[in-house]
């Protein structure tokens, strides 16, 4: 995406609060919502996490089950 094509998204406290879910008794933000906040496509966001996994705690990410979704 070209620099001039990027959309500026204003993130405030309510925007973040609306994206926090409780799953397995943990506060969770879903990948597609984090990707949106950071201006990435979900695929690219997940790839960045995988490429830099050593920078994240072990409990940073997990796969939802079908029922959890």
C-alpha atoms as a PDB file:
ATOM      1  CA  UNK A   1       0.000   0.000   0.000  1.00  0.00           C
ATOM      2  CA  UNK A   2       1.401   3.360  -0.987  1.00  0.00           C
ATOM      3  CA  UNK A   3       1.969   5.926   1.746  1.00  0.00           C
ATOM      4  CA  UNK A   4      -0.665   8.286   0.323  1.00  0.00           C
ATOM      5  CA  UNK A   5      -3.247   5.462   0.289  1.00  0.00           C
ATOM      6  CA  UNK A   6      -2.986   4.769   4.023  1.00  0.00           C
ATOM      7  CA  UNK A   7      -5.988   5.681   6.128  1.00  0.00           C
ATOM      8  CA  UNK A   8      -5.460   7.366   9.482  1.00  0.00           C
ATOM      9  CA  UNK A   9      -7.429   5.690  12.249  1.00  0.00           C
ATOM     10  CA  UNK A  10      -7.953   7.486  15.546  1.00  0.00           C
ATOM     11  CA  UNK A  11      -7.742   5.071  18.451  1.00  0.00           C
ATOM     12  CA  UNK A  12      -9.260   6.093  21.745  1.00  0.00           C
ATOM     13  CA  UNK A  13      -9.989   4.291  24.993  1.00  0.00           C
ATOM     14  CA  UNK A  14     -13.516   3.280  23.947  1.00  0.00           C
ATOM     15  CA  UNK A  15     -12.253   1.854  20.655  1.00  0.00           C
ATOM     16  CA  UNK A  16      -9.798  -0.351  22.524  1.00  0.00           C
ATOM     17  CA  UNK A  17     -12.306  -1.366  25.220  1.00  0.00           C
ATOM     18  CA  UNK A  18     -14.777  -2.479  22.538  1.00  0.00           C
ATOM     19  CA  UNK A  19     -12.142  -4.829  21.112  1.00  0.00           C
ATOM     20  CA  UNK A  20     -11.301  -6.592  24.380  1.00  0.00           C
ATOM     21  CA  UNK A  21     -13.048  -9.925  24.889  1.00  0.00           C
ATOM     22  CA  UNK A  22     -12.910 -12.375  27.796  1.00  0.00           C
ATOM     23  CA  UNK A  23     -11.962 -15.858  26.631  1.00  0.00           C
ATOM     24  CA  UNK A  24     -10.618 -18.593  28.921  1.00  0.00           C
ATOM     25  CA  UNK A  25     -10.751 -16.050  31.755  1.00  0.00           C
ATOM     26  CA  UNK A  26      -8.244 -13.850  29.941  1.00  0.00           C
ATOM     27  CA  UNK A  27      -8.538 -10.470  28.292  1.00  0.00           C
ATOM     28  CA  UNK A  28      -8.094 -11.089  24.572  1.00  0.00           C
ATOM     29  CA  UNK A  29      -7.939  -9.000  21.422  1.00  0.00           C
ATOM     30  CA  UNK A  30      -8.558 -10.804  18.151  1.00  0.00           C
ATOM     31  CA  UNK A  31      -5.951 -10.754  15.408  1.00  0.00           C
ATOM     32  CA  UNK A  32      -8.109  -8.995  12.835  1.00  0.00           C
ATOM     33  CA  UNK A  33      -8.908  -6.213  15.311  1.00  0.00           C
ATOM     34  CA  UNK A  34      -5.249  -5.750  16.268  1.00  0.00           C
ATOM     35  CA  UNK A  35      -4.315  -5.750  12.587  1.00  0.00           C
ATOM     36  CA  UNK A  36      -6.863  -3.003  11.948  1.00  0.00           C
ATOM     37  CA  UNK A  37      -5.481  -0.884  14.814  1.00  0.00           C
ATOM     38  CA  UNK A  38      -1.925  -1.251  13.530  1.00  0.00           C
ATOM     39  CA  UNK A  39      -2.876  -0.735   9.884  1.00  0.00           C
ATOM     40  CA  UNK A  40      -2.070  -4.229   8.594  1.00  0.00           C
ATOM     41  CA  UNK A  41      -4.015  -6.904   6.821  1.00  0.00           C
ATOM     42  CA  UNK A  42      -4.682  -9.783   9.219  1.00  0.00           C
ATOM     43  CA  UNK A  43      -2.433 -12.130   7.229  1.00  0.00           C
ATOM     44  CA  UNK A  44       0.454  -9.654   7.309  1.00  0.00           C
ATOM     45  CA  UNK A  45      -0.062  -8.959  11.017  1.00  0.00           C
ATOM     46  CA  UNK A  46       0.063 -12.671  11.875  1.00  0.00           C
ATOM     47  CA  UNK A  47       3.167 -13.090   9.728  1.00  0.00           C
ATOM     48  CA  UNK A  48       4.904 -10.275  11.595  1.00  0.00           C
ATOM     49  CA  UNK A  49       4.094 -11.953  14.911  1.00  0.00           C
ATOM     50  CA  UNK A  50       5.411 -15.299  13.642  1.00  0.00           C
ATOM     51  CA  UNK A  51       8.589 -13.657  12.338  1.00  0.00           C
ATOM     52  CA  UNK A  52       9.197 -11.963  15.698  1.00  0.00           C
ATOM     53  CA  UNK A  53       7.769 -14.560  18.084  1.00  0.00           C
ATOM     54  CA  UNK A  54      10.785 -14.272  20.407  1.00  0.00           C
ATOM     55  CA  UNK A  55       9.593 -10.770  21.327  1.00  0.00           C
ATOM     56  CA  UNK A  56       6.304 -12.080  22.740  1.00  0.00           C
ATOM     57  CA  UNK A  57       5.488 -13.957  25.922  1.00  0.00           C
ATOM     58  CA  UNK A  58       4.408 -17.588  25.550  1.00  0.00           C
ATOM     59  CA  UNK A  59       0.808 -16.722  26.386  1.00  0.00           C
ATOM     60  CA  UNK A  60       0.603 -13.886  23.861  1.00  0.00           C
ATOM     61  CA  UNK A  61      -1.404 -15.853  21.340  1.00  0.00           C
ATOM     62  CA  UNK A  62      -3.496 -18.947  21.065  1.00  0.00           C
ATOM     63  CA  UNK A  63      -5.944 -20.478  18.620  1.00  0.00           C
ATOM     64  CA  UNK A  64      -9.653 -20.222  19.380  1.00  0.00           C
ATOM     65  CA  UNK A  65     -11.747 -23.342  19.192  1.00  0.00           C
ATOM     66  CA  UNK A  66     -14.820 -23.427  16.948  1.00  0.00           C
ATOM     67  CA  UNK A  67     -17.079 -23.025  20.009  1.00  0.00           C
ATOM     68  CA  UNK A  68     -15.066 -20.066  21.318  1.00  0.00           C
ATOM     69  CA  UNK A  69     -15.320 -18.279  17.996  1.00  0.00           C
END
